[in-house]
Amino acid sequence: MLGGETIEVTGEVWKWRPAEPEAAGWHFLTVDGAAAAEIRYAAIGRTGGFGSIKVTATIGGTTWRTSLFPHKESGGFLLPLKADVRKKEAVDAGSMVTALLDV
């Protein structure tokens, strides 16, 4: 755990695709609303480049270190879901997941 606060967020995984059709995309979970506000408060003074926030994330039985990135459209953050995590937890675009975020 990084800073001592654990925040739970549930949402639908979505995939961002670049303009080039042959390029791979990225999978994300949007963290918005009250959860984003809690994270913002818990991370006061600990933001990195581009407003990123380091977290330890857990989905199911898989835990990894990553960063949340500000998401202008939602006013919250994006949690990137790397391929290894998605494979271990059988997660794809459209999957509903619950993530625990240690800030």
N, C-alpha and C. Protein backbone atom coordinates (compact mmCIF):
# COMPACT_ATOMS: atom_id res chain seq x y z
N MET A 1 0.84 -1.17 0.00
CA MET A 1 0.00 0.00 0.00
C MET A 1 0.89 1.24 0.00
N LEU A 2 0.50 2.25 -0.76
CA LEU A 2 1.33 3.44 -0.89
C LEU A 2 1.11 4.44 0.23
N GLY A 3 -0.07 5.03 0.31
CA GLY A 3 -0.29 6.11 1.26
C GLY A 3 -1.24 5.75 2.37
N GLY A 4 -1.87 4.61 2.30
CA GLY A 4 -2.71 4.18 3.39
C GLY A 4 -4.19 4.22 3.14
N GLU A 5 -4.66 4.75 2.02
CA GLU A 5 -6.10 4.82 1.74
C GLU A 5 -6.43 3.86 0.61
N THR A 6 -7.45 3.00 0.83
CA THR A 6 -7.90 2.08 -0.20
C THR A 6 -9.28 2.53 -0.67
N ILE A 7 -9.42 2.68 -1.97
CA ILE A 7 -10.66 3.15 -2.57
C ILE A 7 -11.14 2.08 -3.54
N GLU A 8 -12.42 1.73 -3.44
CA GLU A 8 -13.01 0.72 -4.32
C GLU A 8 -13.78 1.41 -5.44
N VAL A 9 -13.59 0.93 -6.64
CA VAL A 9 -14.30 1.48 -7.79
C VAL A 9 -14.78 0.34 -8.68
N THR A 10 -16.01 0.46 -9.17
CA THR A 10 -16.58 -0.54 -10.07
C THR A 10 -17.00 0.16 -11.35
N GLY A 11 -16.71 -0.47 -12.47
CA GLY A 11 -17.11 0.12 -13.75
C GLY A 11 -16.86 -0.83 -14.89
N GLU A 12 -17.17 -0.33 -16.09
CA GLU A 12 -17.02 -1.11 -17.31
C GLU A 12 -15.69 -0.80 -17.97
N VAL A 13 -14.97 -1.85 -18.33
CA VAL A 13 -13.69 -1.70 -19.03
C VAL A 13 -14.00 -1.27 -20.47
N TRP A 14 -13.20 -0.33 -20.96
CA TRP A 14 -13.37 0.13 -22.34
C TRP A 14 -12.02 0.18 -23.02
N LYS A 15 -12.06 0.16 -24.35
CA LYS A 15 -10.83 0.12 -25.13
C LYS A 15 -10.70 1.39 -25.97
N TRP A 16 -9.55 2.03 -25.86
CA TRP A 16 -9.22 3.17 -26.70
C TRP A 16 -8.41 2.66 -27.87
N ARG A 17 -8.77 3.11 -29.07
CA ARG A 17 -8.04 2.72 -30.27
C ARG A 17 -7.49 3.96 -30.95
N PRO A 18 -6.24 3.90 -31.36
CA PRO A 18 -5.67 5.03 -32.11
C PRO A 18 -6.29 5.11 -33.50
N ALA A 19 -6.03 6.20 -34.19
CA ALA A 19 -6.60 6.42 -35.52
C ALA A 19 -6.14 5.38 -36.54
N GLU A 20 -4.93 4.86 -36.38
CA GLU A 20 -4.41 3.85 -37.32
C GLU A 20 -5.06 2.51 -37.02
N PRO A 21 -5.80 1.94 -37.96
CA PRO A 21 -6.53 0.69 -37.70
C PRO A 21 -5.64 -0.49 -37.33
N GLU A 22 -4.40 -0.51 -37.80
CA GLU A 22 -3.52 -1.64 -37.49
C GLU A 22 -2.85 -1.53 -36.12
N ALA A 23 -2.94 -0.37 -35.49
CA ALA A 23 -2.29 -0.16 -34.19
C ALA A 23 -3.11 -0.79 -33.06
N ALA A 24 -2.40 -1.25 -32.05
CA ALA A 24 -3.07 -1.84 -30.88
C ALA A 24 -3.71 -0.74 -30.05
N GLY A 25 -4.68 -1.09 -29.24
CA GLY A 25 -5.35 -0.13 -28.36
C GLY A 25 -4.98 -0.37 -26.92
N TRP A 26 -5.54 0.43 -26.06
CA TRP A 26 -5.33 0.32 -24.62
C TRP A 26 -6.66 0.13 -23.93
N HIS A 27 -6.68 -0.67 -22.86
CA HIS A 27 -7.89 -0.89 -22.07
C HIS A 27 -7.81 -0.06 -20.79
N PHE A 28 -8.95 0.53 -20.42
CA PHE A 28 -9.00 1.40 -19.24
C PHE A 28 -10.26 1.13 -18.43
N LEU A 29 -10.18 1.52 -17.17
CA LEU A 29 -11.33 1.64 -16.28
C LEU A 29 -11.38 3.11 -15.89
N THR A 30 -12.52 3.76 -16.09
CA THR A 30 -12.67 5.16 -15.72
C THR A 30 -13.01 5.24 -14.23
N VAL A 31 -12.30 6.09 -13.53
CA VAL A 31 -12.52 6.33 -12.10
C VAL A 31 -13.04 7.76 -12.00
N ASP A 32 -14.34 7.91 -11.68
CA ASP A 32 -14.90 9.25 -11.62
C ASP A 32 -15.76 9.43 -10.38
N GLY A 33 -16.46 10.53 -10.30
CA GLY A 33 -17.38 10.78 -9.20
C GLY A 33 -16.68 10.85 -7.84
N ALA A 34 -17.35 10.29 -6.84
CA ALA A 34 -16.85 10.34 -5.46
C ALA A 34 -15.50 9.64 -5.32
N ALA A 35 -15.30 8.54 -6.05
CA ALA A 35 -14.02 7.82 -5.97
C ALA A 35 -12.88 8.70 -6.44
N ALA A 36 -13.09 9.45 -7.53
CA ALA A 36 -12.05 10.35 -8.04
C ALA A 36 -11.75 11.45 -7.03
N ALA A 37 -12.79 11.97 -6.40
CA ALA A 37 -12.59 13.01 -5.38
C ALA A 37 -11.79 12.48 -4.20
N GLU A 38 -12.09 11.26 -3.76
CA GLU A 38 -11.35 10.64 -2.64
C GLU A 38 -9.88 10.46 -3.01
N ILE A 39 -9.64 10.00 -4.23
CA ILE A 39 -8.26 9.78 -4.69
C ILE A 39 -7.51 11.10 -4.75
N ARG A 40 -8.16 12.12 -5.29
CA ARG A 40 -7.54 13.44 -5.40
C ARG A 40 -7.13 13.94 -4.00
N TYR A 41 -8.01 13.76 -3.02
CA TYR A 41 -7.73 14.20 -1.65
C TYR A 41 -6.61 13.36 -1.03
N ALA A 42 -6.66 12.04 -1.22
CA ALA A 42 -5.65 11.15 -0.63
C ALA A 42 -4.26 11.40 -1.21
N ALA A 43 -4.20 11.92 -2.43
CA ALA A 43 -2.91 12.10 -3.11
C ALA A 43 -2.39 13.53 -3.08
N ILE A 44 -2.97 14.38 -2.25
CA ILE A 44 -2.51 15.78 -2.18
C ILE A 44 -1.00 15.81 -1.94
N GLY A 45 -0.32 16.54 -2.81
CA GLY A 45 1.14 16.68 -2.69
C GLY A 45 1.93 15.51 -3.23
N ARG A 46 1.25 14.53 -3.83
CA ARG A 46 1.96 13.34 -4.33
C ARG A 46 1.63 13.04 -5.78
N THR A 47 1.38 14.07 -6.57
CA THR A 47 1.10 13.82 -7.98
C THR A 47 2.39 13.88 -8.78
N GLY A 48 2.40 13.13 -9.86
CA GLY A 48 3.58 13.08 -10.73
C GLY A 48 3.34 13.84 -12.01
N GLY A 49 4.13 13.51 -13.02
CA GLY A 49 4.00 14.15 -14.32
C GLY A 49 2.62 14.01 -14.90
N PHE A 50 2.13 15.04 -15.55
CA PHE A 50 0.81 15.07 -16.18
C PHE A 50 -0.32 14.90 -15.17
N GLY A 51 -0.03 15.07 -13.85
CA GLY A 51 -1.06 14.91 -12.83
C GLY A 51 -1.33 13.47 -12.46
N SER A 52 -0.41 12.58 -12.84
CA SER A 52 -0.59 11.16 -12.54
C SER A 52 -0.47 10.90 -11.04
N ILE A 53 -1.09 9.81 -10.61
CA ILE A 53 -1.07 9.41 -9.19
C ILE A 53 -0.69 7.94 -9.12
N LYS A 54 0.39 7.64 -8.40
CA LYS A 54 0.83 6.24 -8.25
C LYS A 54 -0.13 5.50 -7.31
N VAL A 55 -0.49 4.29 -7.73
CA VAL A 55 -1.39 3.45 -6.94
C VAL A 55 -0.93 2.01 -7.03
N THR A 56 -1.39 1.21 -6.09
CA THR A 56 -1.33 -0.24 -6.20
C THR A 56 -2.77 -0.67 -6.46
N ALA A 57 -3.00 -1.33 -7.59
CA ALA A 57 -4.35 -1.73 -8.00
C ALA A 57 -4.52 -3.23 -7.84
N THR A 58 -5.73 -3.63 -7.48
CA THR A 58 -6.08 -5.05 -7.37
C THR A 58 -7.41 -5.28 -8.06
N ILE A 59 -7.42 -6.24 -8.97
CA ILE A 59 -8.65 -6.74 -9.57
C ILE A 59 -8.63 -8.24 -9.38
N GLY A 60 -9.64 -8.76 -8.72
CA GLY A 60 -9.67 -10.20 -8.43
C GLY A 60 -8.47 -10.58 -7.59
N GLY A 61 -7.70 -11.56 -8.08
CA GLY A 61 -6.51 -12.01 -7.36
C GLY A 61 -5.22 -11.40 -7.88
N THR A 62 -5.32 -10.39 -8.74
CA THR A 62 -4.14 -9.81 -9.37
C THR A 62 -3.88 -8.40 -8.83
N THR A 63 -2.67 -8.17 -8.35
CA THR A 63 -2.27 -6.88 -7.81
C THR A 63 -1.05 -6.39 -8.58
N TRP A 64 -1.05 -5.10 -8.94
CA TRP A 64 0.09 -4.52 -9.66
C TRP A 64 0.21 -3.04 -9.32
N ARG A 65 1.42 -2.51 -9.54
CA ARG A 65 1.69 -1.08 -9.34
C ARG A 65 1.51 -0.37 -10.68
N THR A 66 0.85 0.78 -10.64
CA THR A 66 0.59 1.54 -11.85
C THR A 66 0.34 2.98 -11.47
N SER A 67 -0.10 3.76 -12.41
CA SER A 67 -0.48 5.15 -12.15
C SER A 67 -1.85 5.41 -12.74
N LEU A 68 -2.61 6.26 -12.07
CA LEU A 68 -3.85 6.79 -12.61
C LEU A 68 -3.51 8.05 -13.37
N PHE A 69 -4.22 8.30 -14.46
CA PHE A 69 -3.96 9.49 -15.27
C PHE A 69 -5.22 10.33 -15.35
N PRO A 70 -5.10 11.65 -15.27
CA PRO A 70 -6.28 12.51 -15.35
C PRO A 70 -7.04 12.27 -16.65
N HIS A 71 -8.37 12.31 -16.56
CA HIS A 71 -9.24 12.10 -17.71
C HIS A 71 -10.16 13.31 -17.83
N LYS A 72 -9.85 14.16 -18.78
CA LYS A 72 -10.57 15.42 -18.94
C LYS A 72 -12.07 15.20 -19.16
N GLU A 73 -12.44 14.21 -19.97
CA GLU A 73 -13.85 14.01 -20.31
C GLU A 73 -14.72 13.68 -19.09
N SER A 74 -14.21 12.89 -18.16
CA SER A 74 -15.00 12.49 -16.99
C SER A 74 -14.72 13.35 -15.77
N GLY A 75 -13.61 14.11 -15.81
CA GLY A 75 -13.21 14.86 -14.63
C GLY A 75 -12.57 13.98 -13.58
N GLY A 76 -12.33 12.73 -13.92
CA GLY A 76 -11.74 11.78 -12.99
C GLY A 76 -10.38 11.30 -13.47
N PHE A 77 -10.19 9.99 -13.41
CA PHE A 77 -8.92 9.37 -13.77
C PHE A 77 -9.15 8.15 -14.63
N LEU A 78 -8.08 7.71 -15.30
CA LEU A 78 -8.08 6.47 -16.05
C LEU A 78 -7.12 5.49 -15.39
N LEU A 79 -7.58 4.26 -15.17
CA LEU A 79 -6.75 3.17 -14.68
C LEU A 79 -6.43 2.30 -15.88
N PRO A 80 -5.17 2.29 -16.35
CA PRO A 80 -4.82 1.41 -17.47
C PRO A 80 -4.76 -0.05 -17.02
N LEU A 81 -5.30 -0.93 -17.86
CA LEU A 81 -5.31 -2.36 -17.54
C LEU A 81 -4.41 -3.08 -18.53
N LYS A 82 -3.24 -3.46 -18.07
CA LYS A 82 -2.29 -4.10 -18.98
C LYS A 82 -2.75 -5.51 -19.34
N ALA A 83 -2.23 -6.01 -20.45
CA ALA A 83 -2.65 -7.29 -21.01
C ALA A 83 -2.51 -8.43 -20.01
N ASP A 84 -1.43 -8.45 -19.23
CA ASP A 84 -1.21 -9.51 -18.26
C ASP A 84 -2.34 -9.58 -17.24
N VAL A 85 -2.78 -8.44 -16.77
CA VAL A 85 -3.87 -8.39 -15.79
C VAL A 85 -5.17 -8.86 -16.44
N ARG A 86 -5.45 -8.36 -17.64
CA ARG A 86 -6.68 -8.75 -18.33
C ARG A 86 -6.73 -10.25 -18.58
N LYS A 87 -5.59 -10.82 -18.95
CA LYS A 87 -5.54 -12.26 -19.22
C LYS A 87 -5.78 -13.05 -17.93
N LYS A 88 -5.08 -12.69 -16.86
CA LYS A 88 -5.22 -13.42 -15.59
C LYS A 88 -6.64 -13.36 -15.04
N GLU A 89 -7.31 -12.22 -15.25
CA GLU A 89 -8.64 -12.03 -14.67
C GLU A 89 -9.78 -12.18 -15.68
N ALA A 90 -9.45 -12.62 -16.91
CA ALA A 90 -10.45 -12.83 -17.97
C ALA A 90 -11.30 -11.57 -18.17
N VAL A 91 -10.62 -10.43 -18.35
CA VAL A 91 -11.26 -9.14 -18.52
C VAL A 91 -11.03 -8.64 -19.93
N ASP A 92 -12.07 -8.08 -20.54
CA ASP A 92 -11.96 -7.48 -21.87
C ASP A 92 -12.88 -6.27 -21.92
N ALA A 93 -12.83 -5.53 -23.02
CA ALA A 93 -13.73 -4.39 -23.18
C ALA A 93 -15.17 -4.85 -22.97
N GLY A 94 -15.90 -4.10 -22.18
CA GLY A 94 -17.28 -4.46 -21.86
C GLY A 94 -17.44 -5.20 -20.54
N SER A 95 -16.35 -5.72 -19.99
CA SER A 95 -16.40 -6.42 -18.70
C SER A 95 -16.65 -5.43 -17.57
N MET A 96 -17.49 -5.82 -16.62
CA MET A 96 -17.67 -5.03 -15.40
C MET A 96 -16.66 -5.55 -14.38
N VAL A 97 -15.87 -4.65 -13.79
CA VAL A 97 -14.86 -5.06 -12.82
C VAL A 97 -14.93 -4.16 -11.59
N THR A 98 -14.44 -4.70 -10.49
CA THR A 98 -14.26 -3.93 -9.27
C THR A 98 -12.76 -3.90 -9.00
N ALA A 99 -12.24 -2.70 -8.81
CA ALA A 99 -10.81 -2.54 -8.53
C ALA A 99 -10.65 -1.90 -7.16
N LEU A 100 -9.66 -2.36 -6.42
CA LEU A 100 -9.25 -1.72 -5.17
C LEU A 100 -7.99 -0.93 -5.49
N LEU A 101 -8.00 0.34 -5.14
CA LEU A 101 -6.88 1.23 -5.44
C LEU A 101 -6.29 1.72 -4.13
N ASP A 102 -5.05 1.33 -3.86
CA ASP A 102 -4.32 1.79 -2.69
C ASP A 102 -3.55 3.02 -3.11
N VAL A 103 -3.93 4.16 -2.54
CA VAL A 103 -3.33 5.44 -2.92
C VAL A 103 -2.26 5.83 -1.93
